Amino acid sequence: MAAKMIRYFRLPRTLNRSLPVSILLFALLALFGAFMALPLIYAVNNAFKPLDELFIFPPRFFVNNPTMDNFLDLMVLMGNSWVPLSRYFANTLLITIIGTAGHILLASAAAYPLAKYRFPGSRALFSIVVLALMFSPHVTAIPNYMVMSWLGWINTHASIIVPSLAFPLGLFLMKQFMEQIPDALLEAAKIDGASEYRIYWSIVMPNVKPAWLTLMILQFPALWGSDGGSFIYSEHLKTLHFALGQITEGGIARAGVGAAVALLLMIVPITLFIISQSSVMQTMATSGMKD
C-alpha cells in the first residue's frame, strides 16, 4: 500500500485547466505586471522631461520632448562640489559591498549550527532571532546609536556597516533553507574526511544559493540608499544618496535634476534584481531542495 502511494505521488502532474482559462490568467497577470511597472516607467519619463513638462497641468505620463538637460545640470552641480562625486560613490560602494557580503557570511555561518546541530540554548537563540523580526529599524535606532557611540565608531563607515550585519531576517531565512539539506549528504562528506568549514563552504553554501541571493537583493538596496543618517557627519565620508539628496533640496528650479537623481539611484538595485531574479523566484516558489 505504501509503495503504491509513493508511486502515485511521484507521478508527473499536469494542470487540469482549459485553454481559455489559461489565456485569461495570462492576460490578468500581464495586466497586473504592467500596472506594477507604471511607477518605474513614470520615473524614467520624468528624468528626460524638460522643466516645463514637469509642471504642466494636468500632468502627462510620457515625455513629449525628451532632453538630457537634467543629467547635464546634475553633472555641473556635482562638478562644482568641493567633494568629488567619485568620493561619494566610493563611500557608498564600500558600505554596500562590505555590508552585504558580511551579512551573508555572518548569517549563513550562524544559521549552519542552528540548523544542523542541537546544543544547549540553540532553541532559545533561534527564538530570540524570531522575536527580533518584530522590531523595525526605527525602534532600534537609539540603541544602535548608543552602542556605536560607546565603541567610538560614530562618524565612521563602521557605524553603518556593523548594524547591517545583524539583520534577523537573513539568519531566519538561511536557517530555514539549511534545514532542507539532507543530513545524509553532510554525513557522507564527513566520512570522506571533509572538515566542518569545507562542508559549510563547498556543500551547504552552494545548496542555499537562492537564499543568499535573496538576502543580497534585500540588503543591497537598503545599504545603497543609506544616507548615513545621524551616524556620519564628515562630508568626505558621506554617501552618494546624501549628496544627490542635497541637490534635490534646492527648490523648484532643481525638479528636473531631482528626477534624474531618482532614476540614477534606482538603476543599480533594479539591475541587480534583474540579474538574480530567477534565484529569487526560486526562493519564493520552492524550499530550495529537490528529492
C-alpha atoms as a PDB file:
ATOM      1  CA  MET A   1       0.000   0.000   0.000  1.00  0.00           C
ATOM      2  CA  ALA A   2       2.805   2.394   0.943  1.00  0.00           C
ATOM      3  CA  ALA A   3       4.663   1.567  -2.279  1.00  0.00           C
ATOM      4  CA  LYS A   4       1.563   2.368  -4.326  1.00  0.00           C
ATOM      5  CA  MET A   5       1.165   5.710  -2.540  1.00  0.00           C
ATOM      6  CA  ILE A   6       4.813   6.600  -3.176  1.00  0.00           C
ATOM      7  CA  ARG A   7       4.458   5.772  -6.881  1.00  0.00           C
ATOM      8  CA  TYR A   8       1.257   7.829  -7.014  1.00  0.00           C
ATOM      9  CA  PHE A   9       2.825  10.934  -5.533  1.00  0.00           C
ATOM     10  CA  ARG A  10       5.836  10.631  -7.839  1.00  0.00           C
ATOM     11  CA  LEU A  11       3.699  10.595 -10.984  1.00  0.00           C
ATOM     12  CA  PRO A  12       4.077  13.757 -13.099  1.00  0.00           C
ATOM     13  CA  ARG A  13       1.126  16.020 -12.609  1.00  0.00           C
ATOM     14  CA  THR A  14      -0.474  18.217 -15.233  1.00  0.00           C
ATOM     15  CA  LEU A  15      -2.726  21.193 -14.669  1.00  0.00           C
ATOM     16  CA  ASN A  16      -6.385  20.448 -15.336  1.00  0.00           C
ATOM     17  CA  ARG A  17      -7.094  23.809 -16.950  1.00  0.00           C
ATOM     18  CA  SER A  18      -8.677  24.708 -20.251  1.00  0.00           C
ATOM     19  CA  LEU A  19      -7.041  26.951 -22.857  1.00  0.00           C
ATOM     20  CA  PRO A  20      -9.454  29.903 -22.412  1.00  0.00           C
ATOM     21  CA  VAL A  21      -8.840  29.895 -18.663  1.00  0.00           C
ATOM     22  CA  SER A  22      -5.062  29.840 -19.224  1.00  0.00           C
ATOM     23  CA  ILE A  23      -5.329  32.777 -21.637  1.00  0.00           C
ATOM     24  CA  LEU A  24      -7.446  34.695 -19.127  1.00  0.00           C
ATOM     25  CA  LEU A  25      -4.959  34.079 -16.316  1.00  0.00           C
ATOM     26  CA  PHE A  26      -2.080  35.140 -18.548  1.00  0.00           C
ATOM     27  CA  ALA A  27      -3.921  38.334 -19.503  1.00  0.00           C
ATOM     28  CA  LEU A  28      -4.624  39.152 -15.846  1.00  0.00           C
ATOM     29  CA  LEU A  29      -1.004  38.540 -14.857  1.00  0.00           C
ATOM     30  CA  ALA A  30       0.176  40.725 -17.750  1.00  0.00           C
ATOM     31  CA  LEU A  31      -2.220  43.469 -16.665  1.00  0.00           C
ATOM     32  CA  PHE A  32      -1.040  43.353 -13.045  1.00  0.00           C
ATOM     33  CA  GLY A  33       2.596  43.278 -14.180  1.00  0.00           C
ATOM     34  CA  ALA A  34       2.094  46.344 -16.370  1.00  0.00           C
ATOM     35  CA  PHE A  35       0.350  48.136 -13.510  1.00  0.00           C
ATOM     36  CA  MET A  36       3.258  47.404 -11.154  1.00  0.00           C
ATOM     37  CA  ALA A  37       5.719  48.670 -13.777  1.00  0.00           C
ATOM     38  CA  LEU A  38       3.977  52.048 -14.108  1.00  0.00           C
ATOM     39  CA  PRO A  39       5.976  53.814 -11.335  1.00  0.00           C
ATOM     40  CA  LEU A  40       9.253  52.749 -12.942  1.00  0.00           C
ATOM     41  CA  ILE A  41       8.133  53.890 -16.393  1.00  0.00           C
ATOM     42  CA  TYR A  42       6.944  57.182 -14.931  1.00  0.00           C
ATOM     43  CA  ALA A  43      10.304  57.750 -13.199  1.00  0.00           C
ATOM     44  CA  VAL A  44      12.185  57.092 -16.455  1.00  0.00           C
ATOM     45  CA  ASN A  45       9.983  59.540 -18.359  1.00  0.00           C
ATOM     46  CA  ASN A  46      10.312  62.208 -15.666  1.00  0.00           C
ATOM     47  CA  ALA A  47      14.093  62.048 -15.838  1.00  0.00           C
ATOM     48  CA  PHE A  48      14.014  63.101 -19.505  1.00  0.00           C
ATOM     49  CA  LYS A  49      11.287  65.757 -19.236  1.00  0.00           C
ATOM     50  CA  PRO A  50      12.174  69.432 -19.617  1.00  0.00           C
ATOM     51  CA  LEU A  51      11.195  71.674 -16.722  1.00  0.00           C
ATOM     52  CA  ASP A  52       8.010  72.963 -18.370  1.00  0.00           C
ATOM     53  CA  GLU A  53       6.674  69.417 -18.832  1.00  0.00           C
ATOM     54  CA  LEU A  54       7.347  68.528 -15.193  1.00  0.00           C
ATOM     55  CA  PHE A  55       4.967  71.261 -14.009  1.00  0.00           C
ATOM     56  CA  ILE A  56       2.344  71.047 -16.722  1.00  0.00           C
ATOM     57  CA  PHE A  57      -1.250  70.508 -15.573  1.00  0.00           C
ATOM     58  CA  PRO A  58      -2.820  68.050 -15.969  1.00  0.00           C
ATOM     59  CA  PRO A  59       0.415  66.065 -15.671  1.00  0.00           C
ATOM     60  CA  ARG A  60       1.464  63.896 -18.593  1.00  0.00           C
ATOM     61  CA  PHE A  61       2.688  60.360 -18.105  1.00  0.00           C
ATOM     62  CA  PHE A  62       5.015  60.187 -21.115  1.00  0.00           C
ATOM     63  CA  VAL A  63       7.598  62.755 -22.152  1.00  0.00           C
ATOM     64  CA  ASN A  64       6.895  64.726 -25.349  1.00  0.00           C
ATOM     65  CA  ASN A  65      10.228  66.462 -25.863  1.00  0.00           C
ATOM     66  CA  PRO A  66      12.942  64.298 -24.276  1.00  0.00           C
ATOM     67  CA  THR A  67      16.092  66.099 -23.202  1.00  0.00           C
ATOM     68  CA  MET A  68      19.358  65.338 -21.444  1.00  0.00           C
ATOM     69  CA  ASP A  69      19.470  68.721 -19.703  1.00  0.00           C
ATOM     70  CA  ASN A  70      18.561  67.229 -16.321  1.00  0.00           C
ATOM     71  CA  PHE A  71      21.589  64.943 -16.377  1.00  0.00           C
ATOM     72  CA  LEU A  72      23.864  67.700 -17.705  1.00  0.00           C
ATOM     73  CA  ASP A  73      22.739  70.031 -14.908  1.00  0.00           C
ATOM     74  CA  LEU A  74      23.425  67.263 -12.398  1.00  0.00           C
ATOM     75  CA  MET A  75      26.964  66.849 -13.735  1.00  0.00           C
ATOM     76  CA  VAL A  76      27.548  70.612 -13.456  1.00  0.00           C
ATOM     77  CA  LEU A  77      26.270  70.723  -9.877  1.00  0.00           C
ATOM     78  CA  MET A  78      28.372  67.765  -8.800  1.00  0.00           C
ATOM     79  CA  GLY A  79      31.388  69.162 -10.629  1.00  0.00           C
ATOM     80  CA  ASN A  80      31.184  72.326  -8.530  1.00  0.00           C
ATOM     81  CA  SER A  81      31.040  70.360  -5.275  1.00  0.00           C
ATOM     82  CA  TRP A  82      34.131  70.614  -3.093  1.00  0.00           C
ATOM     83  CA  VAL A  83      33.957  66.839  -2.511  1.00  0.00           C
ATOM     84  CA  PRO A  84      34.258  64.904  -5.799  1.00  0.00           C
ATOM     85  CA  LEU A  85      31.380  62.729  -6.922  1.00  0.00           C
ATOM     86  CA  SER A  86      33.764  59.779  -7.112  1.00  0.00           C
ATOM     87  CA  ARG A  87      34.360  60.066  -3.353  1.00  0.00           C
ATOM     88  CA  TYR A  88      30.644  59.827  -2.594  1.00  0.00           C
ATOM     89  CA  PHE A  89      30.337  56.884  -4.951  1.00  0.00           C
ATOM     90  CA  ALA A  90      33.346  55.097  -3.404  1.00  0.00           C
ATOM     91  CA  ASN A  91      31.906  55.543   0.101  1.00  0.00           C
ATOM     92  CA  THR A  92      28.561  54.112  -0.973  1.00  0.00           C
ATOM     93  CA  LEU A  93      30.189  51.201  -2.787  1.00  0.00           C
ATOM     94  CA  LEU A  94      32.369  50.398   0.232  1.00  0.00           C
ATOM     95  CA  ILE A  95      29.426  50.385   2.649  1.00  0.00           C
ATOM     96  CA  THR A  96      27.178  48.402   0.307  1.00  0.00           C
ATOM     97  CA  ILE A  97      29.643  45.676  -0.678  1.00  0.00           C
ATOM     98  CA  ILE A  98      31.120  45.078   2.781  1.00  0.00           C
ATOM     99  CA  GLY A  99      27.732  45.278   4.499  1.00  0.00           C
ATOM    100  CA  THR A 100      26.005  42.920   2.062  1.00  0.00           C
ATOM    101  CA  ALA A 101      28.816  40.351   1.830  1.00  0.00           C
ATOM    102  CA  GLY A 102      29.455  40.476   5.570  1.00  0.00           C
ATOM    103  CA  HIS A 103      25.797  39.928   6.384  1.00  0.00           C
ATOM    104  CA  ILE A 104      25.513  36.940   4.043  1.00  0.00           C
ATOM    105  CA  LEU A 105      28.624  35.298   5.508  1.00  0.00           C
ATOM    106  CA  LEU A 106      27.667  36.012   9.112  1.00  0.00           C
ATOM    107  CA  ALA A 107      24.030  34.930   8.707  1.00  0.00           C
ATOM    108  CA  SER A 108      24.953  31.698   6.921  1.00  0.00           C
ATOM    109  CA  ALA A 109      27.732  30.850   9.381  1.00  0.00           C
ATOM    110  CA  ALA A 110      25.378  31.367  12.336  1.00  0.00           C
ATOM    111  CA  ALA A 111      22.483  29.534  10.660  1.00  0.00           C
ATOM    112  CA  TYR A 112      24.518  26.393   9.893  1.00  0.00           C
ATOM    113  CA  PRO A 113      24.958  25.172  13.505  1.00  0.00           C
ATOM    114  CA  LEU A 114      21.420  26.266  14.401  1.00  0.00           C
ATOM    115  CA  ALA A 115      20.001  24.226  11.520  1.00  0.00           C
ATOM    116  CA  LYS A 116      22.151  21.104  11.724  1.00  0.00           C
ATOM    117  CA  TYR A 117      23.186  20.766  15.370  1.00  0.00           C
ATOM    118  CA  ARG A 118      21.390  20.647  18.703  1.00  0.00           C
ATOM    119  CA  PHE A 119      23.279  22.255  21.563  1.00  0.00           C
ATOM    120  CA  PRO A 120      22.195  23.828  24.857  1.00  0.00           C
ATOM    121  CA  GLY A 121      20.430  27.105  24.182  1.00  0.00           C
ATOM    122  CA  SER A 122      20.005  26.622  20.420  1.00  0.00           C
ATOM    123  CA  ARG A 123      16.218  26.892  20.591  1.00  0.00           C
ATOM    124  CA  ALA A 124      16.425  29.940  22.843  1.00  0.00           C
ATOM    125  CA  LEU A 125      18.840  31.625  20.427  1.00  0.00           C
ATOM    126  CA  PHE A 126      16.568  30.990  17.473  1.00  0.00           C
ATOM    127  CA  SER A 127      13.573  32.246  19.459  1.00  0.00           C
ATOM    128  CA  ILE A 128      15.458  35.499  20.040  1.00  0.00           C
ATOM    129  CA  VAL A 129      16.088  35.768  16.298  1.00  0.00           C
ATOM    130  CA  VAL A 130      12.393  35.248  15.552  1.00  0.00           C
ATOM    131  CA  LEU A 131      11.484  37.810  18.214  1.00  0.00           C
ATOM    132  CA  ALA A 132      13.870  40.319  16.635  1.00  0.00           C
ATOM    133  CA  LEU A 133      11.846  40.145  13.416  1.00  0.00           C
ATOM    134  CA  MET A 134       9.091  42.060  15.213  1.00  0.00           C
ATOM    135  CA  PHE A 135      11.174  45.215  15.681  1.00  0.00           C
ATOM    136  CA  SER A 136      11.590  47.734  12.881  1.00  0.00           C
ATOM    137  CA  PRO A 137      14.845  49.659  12.368  1.00  0.00           C
ATOM    138  CA  HIS A 138      13.179  52.773  13.804  1.00  0.00           C
ATOM    139  CA  VAL A 139      12.713  51.022  17.159  1.00  0.00           C
ATOM    140  CA  THR A 140      16.380  50.033  17.386  1.00  0.00           C
ATOM    141  CA  ALA A 141      17.778  53.340  16.065  1.00  0.00           C
ATOM    142  CA  ILE A 142      18.542  54.820  19.509  1.00  0.00           C
ATOM    143  CA  PRO A 143      20.134  51.610  20.927  1.00  0.00           C
ATOM    144  CA  ASN A 144      22.228  51.320  17.756  1.00  0.00           C
ATOM    145  CA  TYR A 145      23.442  54.886  18.137  1.00  0.00           C
ATOM    146  CA  MET A 146      24.324  54.335  21.800  1.00  0.00           C
ATOM    147  CA  VAL A 147      26.285  51.170  21.028  1.00  0.00           C
ATOM    148  CA  MET A 148      28.156  52.817  18.166  1.00  0.00           C
ATOM    149  CA  SER A 149      28.928  55.786  20.428  1.00  0.00           C
ATOM    150  CA  TRP A 150      30.290  53.549  23.183  1.00  0.00           C
ATOM    151  CA  LEU A 151      32.502  51.778  20.651  1.00  0.00           C
ATOM    152  CA  GLY A 152      33.750  55.102  19.274  1.00  0.00           C
ATOM    153  CA  TRP A 153      32.517  54.349  15.760  1.00  0.00           C
ATOM    154  CA  ILE A 154      30.392  57.444  15.241  1.00  0.00           C
ATOM    155  CA  ASN A 155      31.441  59.316  12.083  1.00  0.00           C
ATOM    156  CA  THR A 156      32.931  56.147  10.575  1.00  0.00           C
ATOM    157  CA  HIS A 157      31.639  53.738   7.960  1.00  0.00           C
ATOM    158  CA  ALA A 158      31.570  51.015  10.622  1.00  0.00           C
ATOM    159  CA  SER A 159      28.564  52.720  12.222  1.00  0.00           C
ATOM    160  CA  ILE A 160      26.552  51.841   9.089  1.00  0.00           C
ATOM    161  CA  ILE A 161      28.148  48.508   8.211  1.00  0.00           C
ATOM    162  CA  VAL A 162      28.155  46.771  11.607  1.00  0.00           C
ATOM    163  CA  PRO A 163      24.419  47.205  12.423  1.00  0.00           C
ATOM    164  CA  SER A 164      23.549  45.912   8.946  1.00  0.00           C
ATOM    165  CA  LEU A 165      25.294  42.628   9.749  1.00  0.00           C
ATOM    166  CA  ALA A 166      22.674  41.846  12.413  1.00  0.00           C
ATOM    167  CA  PHE A 167      19.704  41.626  10.034  1.00  0.00           C
ATOM    168  CA  PRO A 168      17.500  38.957  11.712  1.00  0.00           C
ATOM    169  CA  LEU A 169      15.577  38.051   8.557  1.00  0.00           C
ATOM    170  CA  GLY A 170      18.804  36.871   6.945  1.00  0.00           C
ATOM    171  CA  LEU A 171      19.583  34.412   9.737  1.00  0.00           C
ATOM    172  CA  PHE A 172      15.993  33.182   9.778  1.00  0.00           C
ATOM    173  CA  LEU A 173      15.898  32.632   6.022  1.00  0.00           C
ATOM    174  CA  MET A 174      19.264  30.874   5.898  1.00  0.00           C
ATOM    175  CA  LYS A 175      18.331  28.531   8.736  1.00  0.00           C
ATOM    176  CA  GLN A 176      15.051  27.568   7.084  1.00  0.00           C
ATOM    177  CA  PHE A 177      16.870  26.733   3.863  1.00  0.00           C
ATOM    178  CA  MET A 178      19.696  24.826   5.524  1.00  0.00           C
ATOM    179  CA  GLU A 179      17.232  22.594   7.338  1.00  0.00           C
ATOM    180  CA  GLN A 180      16.171  21.235   3.927  1.00  0.00           C
ATOM    181  CA  ILE A 181      19.665  19.906   3.172  1.00  0.00           C
ATOM    182  CA  PRO A 182      19.680  16.118   3.827  1.00  0.00           C
ATOM    183  CA  ASP A 183      21.758  15.120   6.818  1.00  0.00           C
ATOM    184  CA  ALA A 184      22.947  12.091   4.846  1.00  0.00           C
ATOM    185  CA  LEU A 185      24.733  14.412   2.432  1.00  0.00           C
ATOM    186  CA  LEU A 186      26.683  16.048   5.255  1.00  0.00           C
ATOM    187  CA  GLU A 187      27.447  12.678   6.880  1.00  0.00           C
ATOM    188  CA  ALA A 188      28.820  11.386   3.585  1.00  0.00           C
ATOM    189  CA  ALA A 189      31.114  14.392   3.369  1.00  0.00           C
ATOM    190  CA  LYS A 190      32.365  13.777   6.909  1.00  0.00           C
ATOM    191  CA  ILE A 191      33.096  10.135   6.071  1.00  0.00           C
ATOM    192  CA  ASP A 192      35.154  11.328   3.108  1.00  0.00           C
ATOM    193  CA  GLY A 193      37.221  13.427   5.511  1.00  0.00           C
ATOM    194  CA  ALA A 194      35.769  16.874   4.889  1.00  0.00           C
ATOM    195  CA  SER A 195      36.035  19.353   7.745  1.00  0.00           C
ATOM    196  CA  GLU A 196      33.129  21.433   9.017  1.00  0.00           C
ATOM    197  CA  TYR A 197      34.444  24.506   7.190  1.00  0.00           C
ATOM    198  CA  ARG A 198      34.764  22.520   3.945  1.00  0.00           C
ATOM    199  CA  ILE A 199      31.222  21.189   4.326  1.00  0.00           C
ATOM    200  CA  TYR A 200      29.901  24.669   5.024  1.00  0.00           C
ATOM    201  CA  TRP A 201      31.655  26.318   2.081  1.00  0.00           C
ATOM    202  CA  SER A 202      31.562  23.560  -0.567  1.00  0.00           C
ATOM    203  CA  ILE A 203      28.254  21.822   0.187  1.00  0.00           C
ATOM    204  CA  VAL A 204      25.964  23.986   2.291  1.00  0.00           C
ATOM    205  CA  MET A 205      26.514  27.364   0.629  1.00  0.00           C
ATOM    206  CA  PRO A 206      26.022  26.134  -2.977  1.00  0.00           C
ATOM    207  CA  ASN A 207      22.805  24.375  -1.938  1.00  0.00           C
ATOM    208  CA  VAL A 208      21.369  27.529  -0.381  1.00  0.00           C
ATOM    209  CA  LYS A 209      22.381  29.832  -3.228  1.00  0.00           C
ATOM    210  CA  PRO A 210      18.800  31.063  -3.822  1.00  0.00           C
ATOM    211  CA  ALA A 211      18.591  32.082  -0.159  1.00  0.00           C
ATOM    212  CA  TRP A 212      21.750  34.172  -0.063  1.00  0.00           C
ATOM    213  CA  LEU A 213      20.979  35.732  -3.431  1.00  0.00           C
ATOM    214  CA  THR A 214      17.623  36.773  -1.979  1.00  0.00           C
ATOM    215  CA  LEU A 215      19.436  38.261   1.007  1.00  0.00           C
ATOM    216  CA  MET A 216      21.641  40.189  -1.385  1.00  0.00           C
ATOM    217  CA  ILE A 217      18.537  41.598  -3.070  1.00  0.00           C
ATOM    218  CA  LEU A 218      17.097  42.646   0.302  1.00  0.00           C
ATOM    219  CA  GLN A 219      20.270  44.083   1.827  1.00  0.00           C
ATOM    220  CA  PHE A 220      21.894  45.746  -1.171  1.00  0.00           C
ATOM    221  CA  PRO A 221      19.168  48.364  -1.845  1.00  0.00           C
ATOM    222  CA  ALA A 222      18.915  49.206   1.862  1.00  0.00           C
ATOM    223  CA  LEU A 223      22.637  49.979   2.101  1.00  0.00           C
ATOM    224  CA  TRP A 224      22.788  51.575  -1.351  1.00  0.00           C
ATOM    225  CA  GLY A 225      20.086  54.040  -0.314  1.00  0.00           C
ATOM    226  CA  SER A 226      21.605  54.830   3.079  1.00  0.00           C
ATOM    227  CA  ASP A 227      22.493  58.489   3.634  1.00  0.00           C
ATOM    228  CA  GLY A 228      24.449  57.993   6.847  1.00  0.00           C
ATOM    229  CA  GLY A 229      21.705  59.498   8.983  1.00  0.00           C
ATOM    230  CA  SER A 230      22.971  60.770  12.316  1.00  0.00           C
ATOM    231  CA  PHE A 231      25.986  58.428  12.307  1.00  0.00           C
ATOM    232  CA  ILE A 232      28.217  60.185   9.757  1.00  0.00           C
ATOM    233  CA  TYR A 233      28.973  63.910   9.944  1.00  0.00           C
ATOM    234  CA  SER A 234      32.124  64.358   7.866  1.00  0.00           C
ATOM    235  CA  GLU A 235      31.434  65.399   4.282  1.00  0.00           C
ATOM    236  CA  HIS A 236      34.252  63.178   2.987  1.00  0.00           C
ATOM    237  CA  LEU A 237      32.538  60.129   4.480  1.00  0.00           C
ATOM    238  CA  LYS A 238      29.040  60.893   3.207  1.00  0.00           C
ATOM    239  CA  THR A 239      27.292  58.596   0.745  1.00  0.00           C
ATOM    240  CA  LEU A 240      26.056  59.155  -2.792  1.00  0.00           C
ATOM    241  CA  HIS A 241      22.432  59.164  -1.642  1.00  0.00           C
ATOM    242  CA  PHE A 242      23.137  62.035   0.747  1.00  0.00           C
ATOM    243  CA  ALA A 243      24.983  64.086  -1.889  1.00  0.00           C
ATOM    244  CA  LEU A 244      22.278  63.657  -4.506  1.00  0.00           C
ATOM    245  CA  GLY A 245      19.586  64.293  -1.920  1.00  0.00           C
ATOM    246  CA  GLN A 246      21.140  67.629  -1.061  1.00  0.00           C
ATOM    247  CA  ILE A 247      20.902  68.651  -4.697  1.00  0.00           C
ATOM    248  CA  THR A 248      17.187  67.926  -4.872  1.00  0.00           C
ATOM    249  CA  GLU A 249      16.549  70.232  -1.895  1.00  0.00           C
ATOM    250  CA  GLY A 250      17.414  73.277  -3.998  1.00  0.00           C
ATOM    251  CA  GLY A 251      13.778  74.102  -4.723  1.00  0.00           C
ATOM    252  CA  ILE A 252      11.563  74.062  -7.811  1.00  0.00           C
ATOM    253  CA  ALA A 253      14.406  75.012 -10.143  1.00  0.00           C
ATOM    254  CA  ARG A 254      16.060  71.648  -9.446  1.00  0.00           C
ATOM    255  CA  ALA A 255      12.979  69.497 -10.009  1.00  0.00           C
ATOM    256  CA  GLY A 256      14.444  68.148 -13.243  1.00  0.00           C
ATOM    257  CA  VAL A 257      17.740  67.334 -11.541  1.00  0.00           C
ATOM    258  CA  GLY A 258      15.768  65.596  -8.788  1.00  0.00           C
ATOM    259  CA  ALA A 259      14.038  63.403 -11.368  1.00  0.00           C
ATOM    260  CA  ALA A 260      17.425  62.467 -12.830  1.00  0.00           C
ATOM    261  CA  VAL A 261      18.745  61.676  -9.351  1.00  0.00           C
ATOM    262  CA  ALA A 262      15.766  59.395  -8.653  1.00  0.00           C
ATOM    263  CA  LEU A 263      16.460  57.440 -11.827  1.00  0.00           C
ATOM    264  CA  LEU A 264      20.179  57.086 -11.111  1.00  0.00           C
ATOM    265  CA  LEU A 265      19.518  55.773  -7.608  1.00  0.00           C
ATOM    266  CA  MET A 266      17.082  53.205  -8.989  1.00  0.00           C
ATOM    267  CA  ILE A 267      19.289  51.825 -11.752  1.00  0.00           C
ATOM    268  CA  VAL A 268      21.745  49.808  -9.642  1.00  0.00           C
ATOM    269  CA  PRO A 269      19.207  47.936  -7.417  1.00  0.00           C
ATOM    270  CA  ILE A 270      16.954  47.200 -10.396  1.00  0.00           C
ATOM    271  CA  THR A 271      19.891  45.881 -12.432  1.00  0.00           C
ATOM    272  CA  LEU A 272      20.915  43.639  -9.549  1.00  0.00           C
ATOM    273  CA  PHE A 273      17.397  42.273  -9.257  1.00  0.00           C
ATOM    274  CA  ILE A 274      17.155  41.567 -12.995  1.00  0.00           C
ATOM    275  CA  ILE A 275      20.419  39.623 -12.900  1.00  0.00           C
ATOM    276  CA  SER A 276      19.394  37.415  -9.946  1.00  0.00           C
ATOM    277  CA  GLN A 277      15.614  37.330 -10.324  1.00  0.00           C
ATOM    278  CA  SER A 278      15.492  33.639 -11.247  1.00  0.00           C
ATOM    279  CA  SER A 279      17.080  32.640  -7.951  1.00  0.00           C
ATOM    280  CA  VAL A 280      14.803  34.987  -6.028  1.00  0.00           C
ATOM    281  CA  MET A 281      11.741  33.447  -7.677  1.00  0.00           C
ATOM    282  CA  GLN A 282      13.076  30.009  -6.799  1.00  0.00           C
ATOM    283  CA  THR A 283      13.354  31.063  -3.167  1.00  0.00           C
ATOM    284  CA  MET A 284       9.734  32.153  -3.110  1.00  0.00           C
ATOM    285  CA  ALA A 285       8.410  29.133  -5.004  1.00  0.00           C
ATOM    286  CA  THR A 286      10.324  26.216  -3.524  1.00  0.00           C
ATOM    287  CA  SER A 287      12.051  25.159  -0.343  1.00  0.00           C
ATOM    288  CA  GLY A 288      15.423  25.063  -2.105  1.00  0.00           C
ATOM    289  CA  MET A 289      15.895  21.274  -2.289  1.00  0.00           C
ATOM    290  CA  LYS A 290      14.507  18.561  -4.546  1.00  0.00           C
ATOM    291  CA  ASP A 291      14.263  14.832  -3.942  1.00  0.00           C
END
